[in-house]
Amino acid sequence: MSDQNAPKGAFIQRDKETYAIVPRIPVGVVTPELLEKIASVAKKYEIPIIKITSAQRIALVGMKPEIVNSVWEELGTGIGPAVEKCVHYVQACPGTTVCKFGILDSLGLGMRLEELLVGEELPAKGKIGVSGCPLCCAESFVRDFGIFGKRTGWTFVFGGNSGRIPRIGDVIAENLSDDQVVELTKKCLEYYRGNAKPNERTARFMQRIGIEEFKKAVLAAE
């Protein structure tokens, strides 16, 4: 349940008094300047916890509500969705940028998907994982939208979840180009958004409708 009185971009913590924020850090890539800014703001406002999250983001935790707006102003970053019903983030491994196992450019494709889709409204929260090889270091098989690279192109996975009831996602298509991944992601998002029940994550959605029905809808020729 959302906190109607929460400051912009903040969400309530266990103590029901303090808040956390998650600055938007596309595909988990930070700069020295951003790290210095986060450290400076945390010191200035005596923020008690700085937590690296499983989503390759940095959460600032334990703030009184009256300082949240000032913290956002000084950080100067976008807001990373954390509790809203939308695409929360794109998680990506280093891919061919630096990794010796990288086959395809996961950071490049991940950044493209991040800019296009993060914040897009959904029936429930959604997460994207882009891995540059079949080792799937970005956890592509347990993300709502998962992509991983092979020599023949990208493999697209949908409906994964690593939560209380885990589910390995379904392979929807293989041997895709970057452009084809982007287009298929948009089709899957639209079909899911138009046919899922409120608060139904992609894993439960796929269990309900079945992979064949889903593939028939999203892979249909234009």
Foldseek 3Di string as FASTA:
>chain_A
DADPPADPQWGADPVRFWTKFWFDDAQLDDDPVLVVQVVVLCVVQVQPDWDQDPQNTIMRIDHGRVCVVVSCVSSVGHGQDDFAQFERHEHEDCAPVDDPQFQDHRSVLSNVCRVVGGPHHALGYFYEYEYRAPVRPSVQQQGQWRWYADNLGIWIWHQAHDPPDGDGTDTLDDSDHSVRSVLLVVLLRVVRRVDPDRNDRGNVVCVVPHNVVSSCRSVPDD
